Amino acid sequence: MKKSQIIFSQYSPLMAVDTELVGSDQQTIDTPRVCSLCRCGESDNKPLCDGSHAQVGFDGKREDSDKKELEYYRGKEITIVFDRYLCMGAGYCGELEAVFGTHDAPKYEPDAAPVEDIIETIKKCPSGALSYIIDGRHFLNYYDKTRIVVEKDGPLNCQGEITVIDDQDSDLVLPQADHFTLCRCGGSKKKPICDGCHAEKGFKG
């Protein structure tokens, strides 16, 4: 079985290799074995690259590589693990307000809801920022299928066994989980990781 990869350099688009690409309409996009995905935010053929990064002088250098220690919130039956660096503010955790609070007033109360509800909510987190521990086992991986899903007006949601190869890999921060989000608006300070700035920019695509 061929290994799925995402390859890029500081000034290049994302090169997806042997990876299914799914559009925001949940339909598979017909692509060659290797295809270029826009990450400057300027392509007129999103999510595919049209060469705009060269015209606009796109620079994929990271401005923020300051990864913090993982945060552990221990309850009687479950421990919530939070990687603050990877959080891109998708907001699904806010659906379980008793445990996670709101965007403006976050909190972590692992005993405030049934364990099943907490797990279901954590699995909605696309960035890999949230995971959980039960009986000493850290649960990080949830996807049986490998693919890249384009989020409307948002990032690339990468799922499954995808290897990221980067010429800046000395400080590349990716989750240990089998899911993560990559910026495609061009504005993230944590490139290639999405930091949620697409919402502030009003990114469309």
C-alpha atoms as a PDB file:
ATOM      1  CA  MET A   1       0.000   0.000   0.000  1.00  0.00           C
ATOM      2  CA  LYS A   2       1.359   3.417  -0.987  1.00  0.00           C
ATOM      3  CA  LYS A   3       2.130   5.856   1.825  1.00  0.00           C
ATOM      4  CA  SER A   4       0.266   9.154   1.818  1.00  0.00           C
ATOM      5  CA  GLN A   5       2.482  12.215   2.118  1.00  0.00           C
ATOM      6  CA  ILE A   6       2.327  15.992   2.148  1.00  0.00           C
ATOM      7  CA  ILE A   7       5.581  17.581   0.960  1.00  0.00           C
ATOM      8  CA  PHE A   8       6.474  21.273   0.819  1.00  0.00           C
ATOM      9  CA  SER A   9       9.219  23.836   1.204  1.00  0.00           C
ATOM     10  CA  GLN A  10       9.160  27.372   2.566  1.00  0.00           C
ATOM     11  CA  TYR A  11       7.987  28.951  -0.676  1.00  0.00           C
ATOM     12  CA  SER A  12       6.077  26.102  -2.304  1.00  0.00           C
ATOM     13  CA  PRO A  13       2.493  24.860  -2.227  1.00  0.00           C
ATOM     14  CA  LEU A  14       1.523  21.638  -0.482  1.00  0.00           C
ATOM     15  CA  MET A  15       2.266  18.578  -2.605  1.00  0.00           C
ATOM     16  CA  ALA A  16      -0.197  15.819  -1.721  1.00  0.00           C
ATOM     17  CA  VAL A  17       1.034  12.356  -2.703  1.00  0.00           C
ATOM     18  CA  ASP A  18      -1.189   9.283  -2.854  1.00  0.00           C
ATOM     19  CA  THR A  19      -3.870  10.959  -0.769  1.00  0.00           C
ATOM     20  CA  GLU A  20      -7.582  11.196  -1.461  1.00  0.00           C
ATOM     21  CA  LEU A  21      -8.827  14.788  -1.653  1.00  0.00           C
ATOM     22  CA  VAL A  22     -12.394  15.503  -0.578  1.00  0.00           C
ATOM     23  CA  GLY A  23     -14.039  18.845  -1.289  1.00  0.00           C
ATOM     24  CA  SER A  24     -16.119  20.906   1.117  1.00  0.00           C
ATOM     25  CA  ASP A  25     -19.166  19.349  -0.558  1.00  0.00           C
ATOM     26  CA  GLN A  26     -17.917  15.941   0.674  1.00  0.00           C
ATOM     27  CA  GLN A  27     -17.332  14.794  -2.906  1.00  0.00           C
ATOM     28  CA  THR A  28     -13.998  13.264  -3.893  1.00  0.00           C
ATOM     29  CA  ILE A  29     -11.964  15.544  -6.161  1.00  0.00           C
ATOM     30  CA  ASP A  30     -10.348  13.755  -9.090  1.00  0.00           C
ATOM     31  CA  THR A  31      -6.608  14.415  -8.826  1.00  0.00           C
ATOM     32  CA  PRO A  32      -3.407  12.825 -10.135  1.00  0.00           C
ATOM     33  CA  ARG A  33      -1.179  10.775  -7.841  1.00  0.00           C
ATOM     34  CA  VAL A  34       0.701  13.970  -6.964  1.00  0.00           C
ATOM     35  CA  CYS A  35      -1.216  17.246  -6.818  1.00  0.00           C
ATOM     36  CA  SER A  36      -0.422  20.765  -5.640  1.00  0.00           C
ATOM     37  CA  LEU A  37      -2.682  22.326  -3.027  1.00  0.00           C
ATOM     38  CA  CYS A  38      -2.840  26.070  -2.454  1.00  0.00           C
ATOM     39  CA  ARG A  39      -1.562  27.387   0.879  1.00  0.00           C
ATOM     40  CA  CYS A  40      -1.059  31.056   0.002  1.00  0.00           C
ATOM     41  CA  GLY A  41      -4.799  31.711  -0.122  1.00  0.00           C
ATOM     42  CA  GLU A  42      -4.678  33.400  -3.532  1.00  0.00           C
ATOM     43  CA  SER A  43      -5.387  30.603  -6.014  1.00  0.00           C
ATOM     44  CA  ASP A  44      -8.379  31.070  -8.302  1.00  0.00           C
ATOM     45  CA  ASN A  45      -8.680  27.293  -8.467  1.00  0.00           C
ATOM     46  CA  LYS A  46      -8.891  26.452  -4.755  1.00  0.00           C
ATOM     47  CA  PRO A  47      -8.136  24.044  -3.233  1.00  0.00           C
ATOM     48  CA  LEU A  48      -5.669  23.397  -6.060  1.00  0.00           C
ATOM     49  CA  CYS A  49      -2.631  25.602  -6.651  1.00  0.00           C
ATOM     50  CA  ASP A  50      -2.579  27.797  -9.767  1.00  0.00           C
ATOM     51  CA  GLY A  51       0.872  29.312  -9.242  1.00  0.00           C
ATOM     52  CA  SER A  52      -0.341  32.429  -7.422  1.00  0.00           C
ATOM     53  CA  HIS A  53       2.167  31.900  -4.585  1.00  0.00           C
ATOM     54  CA  ALA A  54       4.985  32.927  -6.931  1.00  0.00           C
ATOM     55  CA  GLN A  55       3.165  36.057  -8.071  1.00  0.00           C
ATOM     56  CA  VAL A  56       2.351  37.249  -4.552  1.00  0.00           C
ATOM     57  CA  GLY A  57       5.749  36.311  -3.102  1.00  0.00           C
ATOM     58  CA  PHE A  58       4.367  33.832  -0.598  1.00  0.00           C
ATOM     59  CA  ASP A  59       6.709  33.001   2.289  1.00  0.00           C
ATOM     60  CA  GLY A  60       5.774  29.998   4.402  1.00  0.00           C
ATOM     61  CA  LYS A  61       8.156  30.771   7.252  1.00  0.00           C
ATOM     62  CA  ARG A  62       6.709  30.162  10.712  1.00  0.00           C
ATOM     63  CA  GLU A  63       6.534  33.102  13.086  1.00  0.00           C
ATOM     64  CA  ASP A  64       5.438  31.037  16.085  1.00  0.00           C
ATOM     65  CA  SER A  65       7.125  27.751  17.014  1.00  0.00           C
ATOM     66  CA  ASP A  66       6.724  28.193  20.759  1.00  0.00           C
ATOM     67  CA  LYS A  67       5.099  24.897  21.649  1.00  0.00           C
ATOM     68  CA  LYS A  68       3.905  24.605  25.253  1.00  0.00           C
ATOM     69  CA  GLU A  69       3.720  21.505  27.409  1.00  0.00           C
ATOM     70  CA  LEU A  70       0.595  19.377  27.129  1.00  0.00           C
ATOM     71  CA  GLU A  71      -2.137  20.233  29.627  1.00  0.00           C
ATOM     72  CA  TYR A  72      -3.792  17.418  31.589  1.00  0.00           C
ATOM     73  CA  TYR A  73      -7.210  17.806  33.207  1.00  0.00           C
ATOM     74  CA  ARG A  74      -7.824  14.740  35.344  1.00  0.00           C
ATOM     75  CA  GLY A  75     -11.266  13.467  36.286  1.00  0.00           C
ATOM     76  CA  LYS A  76     -12.509  10.348  38.024  1.00  0.00           C
ATOM     77  CA  GLU A  77     -12.856   8.313  34.823  1.00  0.00           C
ATOM     78  CA  ILE A  78     -11.221  10.330  32.058  1.00  0.00           C
ATOM     79  CA  THR A  79      -8.302  12.726  31.650  1.00  0.00           C
ATOM     80  CA  ILE A  80      -8.671  15.421  29.020  1.00  0.00           C
ATOM     81  CA  VAL A  81      -5.390  16.236  27.235  1.00  0.00           C
ATOM     82  CA  PHE A  82      -5.066  19.638  25.583  1.00  0.00           C
ATOM     83  CA  ASP A  83      -2.305  20.738  23.210  1.00  0.00           C
ATOM     84  CA  ARG A  84      -2.785  24.500  23.216  1.00  0.00           C
ATOM     85  CA  TYR A  85      -0.379  25.070  20.329  1.00  0.00           C
ATOM     86  CA  LEU A  86      -2.419  22.970  17.924  1.00  0.00           C
ATOM     87  CA  CYS A  87      -5.788  24.518  18.770  1.00  0.00           C
ATOM     88  CA  MET A  88      -7.239  26.439  15.831  1.00  0.00           C
ATOM     89  CA  GLY A  89     -10.538  27.399  17.396  1.00  0.00           C
ATOM     90  CA  ALA A  90     -12.917  25.153  15.475  1.00  0.00           C
ATOM     91  CA  GLY A  91     -15.275  25.426  18.436  1.00  0.00           C
ATOM     92  CA  TYR A  92     -16.768  21.929  18.494  1.00  0.00           C
ATOM     93  CA  CYS A  93     -15.727  21.525  22.118  1.00  0.00           C
ATOM     94  CA  GLY A  94     -18.065  24.390  23.012  1.00  0.00           C
ATOM     95  CA  GLU A  95     -20.995  22.134  22.140  1.00  0.00           C
ATOM     96  CA  LEU A  96     -20.348  20.461  25.511  1.00  0.00           C
ATOM     97  CA  GLU A  97     -20.280  23.676  27.500  1.00  0.00           C
ATOM     98  CA  ALA A  98     -20.482  22.003  30.921  1.00  0.00           C
ATOM     99  CA  VAL A  99     -17.073  20.438  30.299  1.00  0.00           C
ATOM    100  CA  PHE A 100     -15.274  22.801  27.941  1.00  0.00           C
ATOM    101  CA  GLY A 101     -16.967  26.138  28.560  1.00  0.00           C
ATOM    102  CA  THR A 102     -17.259  28.606  25.703  1.00  0.00           C
ATOM    103  CA  HIS A 103     -14.824  30.229  23.294  1.00  0.00           C
ATOM    104  CA  ASP A 104     -14.703  33.363  25.440  1.00  0.00           C
ATOM    105  CA  ALA A 105     -14.624  31.476  28.744  1.00  0.00           C
ATOM    106  CA  PRO A 106     -12.992  28.071  28.231  1.00  0.00           C
ATOM    107  CA  LYS A 107     -12.725  25.552  31.035  1.00  0.00           C
ATOM    108  CA  TYR A 108     -11.974  21.855  31.473  1.00  0.00           C
ATOM    109  CA  GLU A 109     -14.242  19.943  33.839  1.00  0.00           C
ATOM    110  CA  PRO A 110     -13.854  16.198  33.060  1.00  0.00           C
ATOM    111  CA  ASP A 111     -16.449  15.175  35.659  1.00  0.00           C
ATOM    112  CA  ALA A 112     -19.171  17.512  34.403  1.00  0.00           C
ATOM    113  CA  ALA A 113     -20.630  15.174  31.762  1.00  0.00           C
ATOM    114  CA  PRO A 114     -20.787  11.455  30.929  1.00  0.00           C
ATOM    115  CA  VAL A 115     -17.513  10.044  29.617  1.00  0.00           C
ATOM    116  CA  GLU A 116     -19.189   8.977  26.374  1.00  0.00           C
ATOM    117  CA  ASP A 117     -20.264  12.549  25.660  1.00  0.00           C
ATOM    118  CA  ILE A 118     -16.759  13.868  26.344  1.00  0.00           C
ATOM    119  CA  ILE A 119     -15.187  11.323  23.996  1.00  0.00           C
ATOM    120  CA  GLU A 120     -17.714  12.092  21.262  1.00  0.00           C
ATOM    121  CA  THR A 121     -16.924  15.807  21.569  1.00  0.00           C
ATOM    122  CA  ILE A 122     -13.147  15.312  21.594  1.00  0.00           C
ATOM    123  CA  LYS A 123     -13.366  13.250  18.409  1.00  0.00           C
ATOM    124  CA  LYS A 124     -14.913  16.241  16.641  1.00  0.00           C
ATOM    125  CA  CYS A 125     -11.729  18.292  17.177  1.00  0.00           C
ATOM    126  CA  PRO A 126     -10.079  18.370  13.717  1.00  0.00           C
ATOM    127  CA  SER A 127      -6.707  19.753  14.800  1.00  0.00           C
ATOM    128  CA  GLY A 128      -5.576  17.043  17.207  1.00  0.00           C
ATOM    129  CA  ALA A 129      -5.463  19.577  20.039  1.00  0.00           C
ATOM    130  CA  LEU A 130      -7.795  17.472  22.173  1.00  0.00           C
ATOM    131  CA  SER A 131      -7.302  13.835  23.144  1.00  0.00           C
ATOM    132  CA  TYR A 132      -8.059  11.740  26.206  1.00  0.00           C
ATOM    133  CA  ILE A 133      -6.667   9.151  28.598  1.00  0.00           C
ATOM    134  CA  ILE A 134      -8.653   6.294  30.147  1.00  0.00           C
ATOM    135  CA  ASP A 135      -7.094   3.615  32.374  1.00  0.00           C
ATOM    136  CA  GLY A 136      -3.621   4.817  31.493  1.00  0.00           C
ATOM    137  CA  ARG A 137      -4.117   4.589  27.724  1.00  0.00           C
ATOM    138  CA  HIS A 138      -3.825   7.743  25.639  1.00  0.00           C
ATOM    139  CA  PHE A 139      -6.389   7.755  22.815  1.00  0.00           C
ATOM    140  CA  LEU A 140      -5.207   9.813  19.822  1.00  0.00           C
ATOM    141  CA  ASN A 141      -6.219   7.996  16.659  1.00  0.00           C
ATOM    142  CA  TYR A 142      -9.776   7.809  15.347  1.00  0.00           C
ATOM    143  CA  TYR A 143      -9.628   7.487  11.539  1.00  0.00           C
ATOM    144  CA  ASP A 144      -9.670   4.289   9.488  1.00  0.00           C
ATOM    145  CA  LYS A 145      -9.528   6.144   6.178  1.00  0.00           C
ATOM    146  CA  THR A 146      -6.700   8.388   4.983  1.00  0.00           C
ATOM    147  CA  ARG A 147      -7.757  11.560   3.203  1.00  0.00           C
ATOM    148  CA  ILE A 148      -7.562  15.353   3.099  1.00  0.00           C
ATOM    149  CA  VAL A 149     -10.901  17.096   3.566  1.00  0.00           C
ATOM    150  CA  VAL A 150     -11.261  20.707   2.441  1.00  0.00           C
ATOM    151  CA  GLU A 151     -13.149  22.754   5.007  1.00  0.00           C
ATOM    152  CA  LYS A 152     -15.255  25.473   3.424  1.00  0.00           C
ATOM    153  CA  ASP A 153     -13.588  28.853   4.052  1.00  0.00           C
ATOM    154  CA  GLY A 154     -11.173  27.033   6.353  1.00  0.00           C
ATOM    155  CA  PRO A 155      -8.163  24.724   6.544  1.00  0.00           C
ATOM    156  CA  LEU A 156      -7.290  21.332   5.148  1.00  0.00           C
ATOM    157  CA  ASN A 157      -8.433  18.659   7.589  1.00  0.00           C
ATOM    158  CA  CYS A 158      -5.925  15.831   7.294  1.00  0.00           C
ATOM    159  CA  GLN A 159      -7.092  12.436   8.507  1.00  0.00           C
ATOM    160  CA  GLY A 160      -5.422   9.045   8.742  1.00  0.00           C
ATOM    161  CA  GLU A 161      -1.827   8.021   8.101  1.00  0.00           C
ATOM    162  CA  ILE A 162      -0.245  11.018   6.388  1.00  0.00           C
ATOM    163  CA  THR A 163       3.459  11.830   6.652  1.00  0.00           C
ATOM    164  CA  VAL A 164       4.419  15.511   6.466  1.00  0.00           C
ATOM    165  CA  ILE A 165       7.826  16.300   4.957  1.00  0.00           C
ATOM    166  CA  ASP A 166       9.052  19.864   5.431  1.00  0.00           C
ATOM    167  CA  ASP A 167      12.338  21.644   4.788  1.00  0.00           C
ATOM    168  CA  GLN A 168      11.841  23.421   8.146  1.00  0.00           C
ATOM    169  CA  ASP A 169      11.342  20.207  10.068  1.00  0.00           C
ATOM    170  CA  SER A 170      13.777  21.234  12.797  1.00  0.00           C
ATOM    171  CA  ASP A 171      10.870  22.951  14.533  1.00  0.00           C
ATOM    172  CA  LEU A 172       7.838  21.527  12.753  1.00  0.00           C
ATOM    173  CA  VAL A 173       5.060  20.939  15.252  1.00  0.00           C
ATOM    174  CA  LEU A 174       2.489  18.312  14.375  1.00  0.00           C
ATOM    175  CA  PRO A 175       0.284  16.253  16.656  1.00  0.00           C
ATOM    176  CA  GLN A 176       1.019  12.635  17.397  1.00  0.00           C
ATOM    177  CA  ALA A 177      -2.593  11.967  16.453  1.00  0.00           C
ATOM    178  CA  ASP A 178      -3.834  10.763  13.076  1.00  0.00           C
ATOM    179  CA  HIS A 179      -5.542  14.080  12.352  1.00  0.00           C
ATOM    180  CA  PHE A 180      -4.395  17.691  12.049  1.00  0.00           C
ATOM    181  CA  THR A 181      -5.262  20.914  10.225  1.00  0.00           C
ATOM    182  CA  LEU A 182      -3.094  22.730   7.684  1.00  0.00           C
ATOM    183  CA  CYS A 183      -3.423  26.409   6.793  1.00  0.00           C
ATOM    184  CA  ARG A 184      -4.609  27.329   3.304  1.00  0.00           C
ATOM    185  CA  CYS A 185      -5.416  31.025   3.816  1.00  0.00           C
ATOM    186  CA  GLY A 186      -1.719  31.958   3.953  1.00  0.00           C
ATOM    187  CA  GLY A 187      -1.962  33.865   7.208  1.00  0.00           C
ATOM    188  CA  SER A 188      -1.179  31.369   9.966  1.00  0.00           C
ATOM    189  CA  LYS A 189       1.749  32.217  12.212  1.00  0.00           C
ATOM    190  CA  LYS A 190       2.230  28.500  12.822  1.00  0.00           C
ATOM    191  CA  LYS A 191       2.597  27.429   9.180  1.00  0.00           C
ATOM    192  CA  PRO A 192       1.856  24.873   7.965  1.00  0.00           C
ATOM    193  CA  ILE A 193      -0.455  24.373  10.959  1.00  0.00           C
ATOM    194  CA  CYS A 194      -3.728  26.314  10.931  1.00  0.00           C
ATOM    195  CA  ASP A 195      -4.045  28.801  13.798  1.00  0.00           C
ATOM    196  CA  GLY A 196      -7.605  29.885  13.028  1.00  0.00           C
ATOM    197  CA  CYS A 197      -6.755  33.209  11.409  1.00  0.00           C
ATOM    198  CA  HIS A 198      -8.804  32.364   8.299  1.00  0.00           C
ATOM    199  CA  ALA A 199     -11.892  33.474  10.217  1.00  0.00           C
ATOM    200  CA  GLU A 200     -10.376  36.853  11.064  1.00  0.00           C
ATOM    201  CA  LYS A 201      -9.181  37.313   7.473  1.00  0.00           C
ATOM    202  CA  GLY A 202     -12.573  36.456   6.043  1.00  0.00           C
ATOM    203  CA  PHE A 203     -10.956  33.791   3.885  1.00  0.00           C
ATOM    204  CA  LYS A 204     -13.184  32.300   1.203  1.00  0.00           C
ATOM    205  CA  GLY A 205     -12.599  29.143  -0.714  1.00  0.00           C
END
